[in-house]
Each structure stands twice: as C-alpha cells, then as structure tokens.
C-alpha atoms as a PDB file:
ATOM      1  CA  UNK A   1      -5.939  15.983   1.634  1.00  0.00           C
ATOM      2  CA  UNK A   2      -2.274  14.322   2.443  1.00  0.00           C
ATOM      3  CA  UNK A   3      -1.376  13.198  -1.578  1.00  0.00           C
ATOM      4  CA  UNK A   4      -2.144  16.919  -3.055  1.00  0.00           C
ATOM      5  CA  UNK A   5       0.101  18.413   0.266  1.00  0.00           C
ATOM      6  CA  UNK A   6       2.618  15.632  -0.873  1.00  0.00           C
ATOM      7  CA  UNK A   7       2.316  17.254  -4.682  1.00  0.00           C
ATOM      8  CA  UNK A   8       2.694  20.504  -3.720  1.00  0.00           C
ATOM      9  CA  UNK A   9       5.633  19.550  -2.058  1.00  0.00           C
ATOM     10  CA  UNK A  10       6.833  17.737  -5.664  1.00  0.00           C
ATOM     11  CA  UNK A  11       6.532  14.350  -4.108  1.00  0.00           C
ATOM     12  CA  UNK A  12       5.445  11.822  -6.881  1.00  0.00           C
ATOM     13  CA  UNK A  13       2.173   9.406  -5.128  1.00  0.00           C
ATOM     14  CA  UNK A  14       0.669   6.537  -6.717  1.00  0.00           C
ATOM     15  CA  UNK A  15      -1.999   7.114 -10.064  1.00  0.00           C
ATOM     16  CA  UNK A  16      -4.868   6.579  -8.353  1.00  0.00           C
ATOM     17  CA  UNK A  17      -8.789   7.083  -8.909  1.00  0.00           C
ATOM     18  CA  UNK A  18     -12.067   6.400  -7.039  1.00  0.00           C
ATOM     19  CA  UNK A  19     -14.068   3.809  -8.834  1.00  0.00           C
ATOM     20  CA  UNK A  20     -18.071   3.420  -8.623  1.00  0.00           C
ATOM     21  CA  UNK A  21     -18.589   0.570 -10.548  1.00  0.00           C
ATOM     22  CA  UNK A  22     -16.783  -3.131 -11.055  1.00  0.00           C
ATOM     23  CA  UNK A  23     -16.269  -1.496 -14.662  1.00  0.00           C
ATOM     24  CA  UNK A  24     -15.002   1.964 -13.992  1.00  0.00           C
ATOM     25  CA  UNK A  25     -12.447  -0.205 -11.711  1.00  0.00           C
ATOM     26  CA  UNK A  26     -11.265  -2.440 -14.868  1.00  0.00           C
ATOM     27  CA  UNK A  27     -11.521   0.910 -16.749  1.00  0.00           C
ATOM     28  CA  UNK A  28      -8.686   2.511 -14.024  1.00  0.00           C
ATOM     29  CA  UNK A  29      -6.510  -0.768 -13.677  1.00  0.00           C
ATOM     30  CA  UNK A  30      -6.645  -0.626 -17.279  1.00  0.00           C
ATOM     31  CA  UNK A  31      -5.236   3.002 -17.423  1.00  0.00           C
ATOM     32  CA  UNK A  32      -2.737   2.585 -14.682  1.00  0.00           C
ATOM     33  CA  UNK A  33      -1.437  -0.596 -15.341  1.00  0.00           C
ATOM     34  CA  UNK A  34      -1.074  -4.051 -13.394  1.00  0.00           C
ATOM     35  CA  UNK A  35      -0.709  -4.461 -10.639  1.00  0.00           C
ATOM     36  CA  UNK A  36      -2.633  -2.695  -8.302  1.00  0.00           C
ATOM     37  CA  UNK A  37      -4.040  -2.166  -5.057  1.00  0.00           C
ATOM     38  CA  UNK A  38      -7.893  -1.909  -4.031  1.00  0.00           C
ATOM     39  CA  UNK A  39      -9.231   0.008  -1.211  1.00  0.00           C
ATOM     40  CA  UNK A  40     -12.965   0.516   0.012  1.00  0.00           C
ATOM     41  CA  UNK A  41     -14.072   4.149   0.559  1.00  0.00           C
ATOM     42  CA  UNK A  42     -16.406   5.402   2.742  1.00  0.00           C
ATOM     43  CA  UNK A  43     -15.897   8.788   5.263  1.00  0.00           C
ATOM     44  CA  UNK A  44     -17.309   6.429   8.575  1.00  0.00           C
ATOM     45  CA  UNK A  45     -14.644   3.462   7.127  1.00  0.00           C
ATOM     46  CA  UNK A  46     -12.011   5.123   9.840  1.00  0.00           C
ATOM     47  CA  UNK A  47      -9.604   1.444   9.668  1.00  0.00           C
ATOM     48  CA  UNK A  48     -10.022  -0.046   6.368  1.00  0.00           C
ATOM     49  CA  UNK A  49      -7.584  -2.972   7.223  1.00  0.00           C
ATOM     50  CA  UNK A  50      -9.197  -4.141   9.798  1.00  0.00           C
ATOM     51  CA  UNK A  51     -12.519  -4.610   8.118  1.00  0.00           C
ATOM     52  CA  UNK A  52     -10.800  -6.473   5.212  1.00  0.00           C
ATOM     53  CA  UNK A  53     -11.164  -2.767   2.505  1.00  0.00           C
ATOM     54  CA  UNK A  54      -7.807  -3.560   1.181  1.00  0.00           C
ATOM     55  CA  UNK A  55      -6.473  -5.529  -1.196  1.00  0.00           C
ATOM     56  CA  UNK A  56      -2.371  -5.371  -2.306  1.00  0.00           C
ATOM     57  CA  UNK A  57      -1.177  -7.278  -5.713  1.00  0.00           C
ATOM     58  CA  UNK A  58      -3.938  -7.547  -8.051  1.00  0.00           C
ATOM     59  CA  UNK A  59      -2.609  -8.562 -10.870  1.00  0.00           C
ATOM     60  CA  UNK A  60      -5.292  -8.629 -13.652  1.00  0.00           C
ATOM     61  CA  UNK A  61      -9.375  -8.223 -14.941  1.00  0.00           C
ATOM     62  CA  UNK A  62     -10.117 -10.927 -13.018  1.00  0.00           C
ATOM     63  CA  UNK A  63      -8.618 -10.822  -9.927  1.00  0.00           C
ATOM     64  CA  UNK A  64     -10.084  -7.135 -10.191  1.00  0.00           C
ATOM     65  CA  UNK A  65     -13.435  -8.686 -10.026  1.00  0.00           C
ATOM     66  CA  UNK A  66     -13.328 -11.090  -8.047  1.00  0.00           C
ATOM     67  CA  UNK A  67     -11.868  -7.801  -5.032  1.00  0.00           C
ATOM     68  CA  UNK A  68     -14.258  -5.881  -6.049  1.00  0.00           C
ATOM     69  CA  UNK A  69     -17.170  -7.820  -5.037  1.00  0.00           C
ATOM     70  CA  UNK A  70     -14.725  -9.437  -2.034  1.00  0.00           C
ATOM     71  CA  UNK A  71     -13.810  -5.834  -0.549  1.00  0.00           C
ATOM     72  CA  UNK A  72     -18.078  -5.494   0.096  1.00  0.00           C
ATOM     73  CA  UNK A  73     -18.093  -8.460   1.517  1.00  0.00           C
ATOM     74  CA  UNK A  74     -15.801  -7.508   4.152  1.00  0.00           C
ATOM     75  CA  UNK A  75     -16.959  -4.601   4.839  1.00  0.00           C
ATOM     76  CA  UNK A  76     -20.487  -5.481   5.049  1.00  0.00           C
ATOM     77  CA  UNK A  77     -19.634  -8.227   7.932  1.00  0.00           C
ATOM     78  CA  UNK A  78     -17.663  -5.743   9.847  1.00  0.00           C
ATOM     79  CA  UNK A  79     -20.067  -3.192   9.288  1.00  0.00           C
ATOM     80  CA  UNK A  80     -23.164  -3.788   7.562  1.00  0.00           C
ATOM     81  CA  UNK A  81     -24.491  -0.814   7.614  1.00  0.00           C
ATOM     82  CA  UNK A  82     -22.164   1.065   6.034  1.00  0.00           C
ATOM     83  CA  UNK A  83     -22.607   1.579   2.515  1.00  0.00           C
ATOM     84  CA  UNK A  84     -18.899   2.540   0.430  1.00  0.00           C
ATOM     85  CA  UNK A  85     -18.792   5.824  -1.879  1.00  0.00           C
ATOM     86  CA  UNK A  86     -16.650   2.935  -3.828  1.00  0.00           C
ATOM     87  CA  UNK A  87     -13.090   1.569  -3.979  1.00  0.00           C
ATOM     88  CA  UNK A  88      -9.623   3.562  -4.629  1.00  0.00           C
ATOM     89  CA  UNK A  89      -7.924   1.849  -7.105  1.00  0.00           C
ATOM     90  CA  UNK A  90      -4.818   2.982  -7.135  1.00  0.00           C
ATOM     91  CA  UNK A  91      -1.493   1.414  -9.131  1.00  0.00           C
ATOM     92  CA  UNK A  92       1.404  -0.602  -6.564  1.00  0.00           C
ATOM     93  CA  UNK A  93       4.122   1.526  -5.197  1.00  0.00           C
ATOM     94  CA  UNK A  94       7.598   0.931  -5.344  1.00  0.00           C
ATOM     95  CA  UNK A  95       8.684  -1.875  -3.131  1.00  0.00           C
ATOM     96  CA  UNK A  96      11.008  -1.071   0.213  1.00  0.00           C
ATOM     97  CA  UNK A  97      13.005  -3.407   2.265  1.00  0.00           C
ATOM     98  CA  UNK A  98      12.519  -2.831   5.861  1.00  0.00           C
ATOM     99  CA  UNK A  99      15.685  -3.117   7.506  1.00  0.00           C
ATOM    100  CA  UNK A 100      15.558  -3.590  11.860  1.00  0.00           C
ATOM    101  CA  UNK A 101      18.964  -3.527  13.811  1.00  0.00           C
ATOM    102  CA  UNK A 102      17.900  -5.154  17.186  1.00  0.00           C
ATOM    103  CA  UNK A 103      17.704  -8.678  17.015  1.00  0.00           C
ATOM    104  CA  UNK A 104      14.797 -10.769  17.026  1.00  0.00           C
ATOM    105  CA  UNK A 105      12.690  -9.018  19.109  1.00  0.00           C
ATOM    106  CA  UNK A 106      13.298  -5.866  16.992  1.00  0.00           C
ATOM    107  CA  UNK A 107      11.748  -2.672  18.843  1.00  0.00           C
ATOM    108  CA  UNK A 108       9.124  -0.165  17.669  1.00  0.00           C
ATOM    109  CA  UNK A 109      11.779   2.976  17.928  1.00  0.00           C
ATOM    110  CA  UNK A 110      11.970   4.788  14.788  1.00  0.00           C
ATOM    111  CA  UNK A 111      15.528   4.711  15.327  1.00  0.00           C
ATOM    112  CA  UNK A 112      15.538   0.994  14.946  1.00  0.00           C
ATOM    113  CA  UNK A 113      14.765   1.010  10.949  1.00  0.00           C
ATOM    114  CA  UNK A 114      15.123   2.148   7.381  1.00  0.00           C
ATOM    115  CA  UNK A 115      13.518   1.556   4.760  1.00  0.00           C
ATOM    116  CA  UNK A 116      15.589   0.690   1.641  1.00  0.00           C
ATOM    117  CA  UNK A 117      14.506   0.463  -1.968  1.00  0.00           C
ATOM    118  CA  UNK A 118      14.388  -3.579  -3.070  1.00  0.00           C
ATOM    119  CA  UNK A 119      17.985  -4.266  -4.234  1.00  0.00           C
ATOM    120  CA  UNK A 120      17.812  -6.281  -8.107  1.00  0.00           C
ATOM    121  CA  UNK A 121      21.014  -8.301  -6.971  1.00  0.00           C
ATOM    122  CA  UNK A 122      23.230  -9.007  -4.384  1.00  0.00           C
ATOM    123  CA  UNK A 123      26.127  -6.401  -5.047  1.00  0.00           C
ATOM    124  CA  UNK A 124      22.667  -3.908  -4.282  1.00  0.00           C
ATOM    125  CA  UNK A 125      22.263  -5.818  -0.644  1.00  0.00           C
ATOM    126  CA  UNK A 126      25.796  -5.500  -0.045  1.00  0.00           C
ATOM    127  CA  UNK A 127      25.981  -2.001  -0.773  1.00  0.00           C
ATOM    128  CA  UNK A 128      22.626  -0.781   0.241  1.00  0.00           C
ATOM    129  CA  UNK A 129      23.914  -2.317   4.189  1.00  0.00           C
ATOM    130  CA  UNK A 130      27.092  -0.707   4.348  1.00  0.00           C
ATOM    131  CA  UNK A 131      25.963   2.714   3.465  1.00  0.00           C
ATOM    132  CA  UNK A 132      22.938   2.466   5.732  1.00  0.00           C
ATOM    133  CA  UNK A 133      22.709   4.970   9.149  1.00  0.00           C
ATOM    134  CA  UNK A 134      21.917   2.954  11.049  1.00  0.00           C
ATOM    135  CA  UNK A 135      24.381   0.237  10.457  1.00  0.00           C
ATOM    136  CA  UNK A 136      27.757   0.108  12.786  1.00  0.00           C
ATOM    137  CA  UNK A 137      25.702   2.305  15.425  1.00  0.00           C
ATOM    138  CA  UNK A 138      26.074   1.594  19.168  1.00  0.00           C
ATOM    139  CA  UNK A 139      23.082   0.378  20.955  1.00  0.00           C
ATOM    140  CA  UNK A 140      20.891   2.471  23.570  1.00  0.00           C
END
C-alpha cells in the first residue's frame, strides 16, 4: 500500500516483485538487476529484520540462491509455525550519507540528522556539508 501512495505522489520507489521460488527470484533479479535486496514476506512477519528476514547487497545468482535458503532458515528459527508467502526481490536503493551534528553520542532527534546522497568526489562532500541545512545551527 505504501508504495502505491508514493507512486501516486510521483515519488519513485525501487522496482520489486514477489518471488515464490528460488528460480522465480533469479528471474526477478535478472529483470531488475543487481545488486538486490531480499525480504521475507508473510502477513504475520511484522518485524522482518528481527527475524533475519532481510538481506542487502545481493550481487549475483549464487548469492541470491544462498540468500533464498538463508531467509527461509532464519524465519523458521524465529517462528517455526510461519510459512512465507514468498521473498520480495527489490532493487537496491540509492546510497546516502547520514550526517549528525551532536557529536559522538548523537541524540536521535530528527532535527540533528540530514540524509545526503553519497558523494562521488571530495569536492561534493565539501559542497554538501557547506550547504547543509543543519550545519552552523546552534544546538538547543
């Protein structure tokens, strides 16, 4: 539902499709390209990460097949009664840099953070830092 809302607002979301077999997952990955993300899918699996149900940076068919087996094993260890509906294979989103202003022990206040696109050159780091909306602001 969330992706449909974002799409209606014109916000691009990663390409993805539910796979119900390892072969199907490989076909999806071939379609959307590597690197990919794999996410275990089941209505009763509300906290995928806690169950070991998310794998990032899948780079090739071998990792995808291994990942398929790993996700099923992780979820079975977490909840042996749960049957997966499948695995969502999704393109990796753009990388970004999280910048915090509160020092080593940054508080988790949203005003202290800003997401920046991963820079390709040192000059881009300097420019992003210089034009950041959070740098130079006095701490409360």
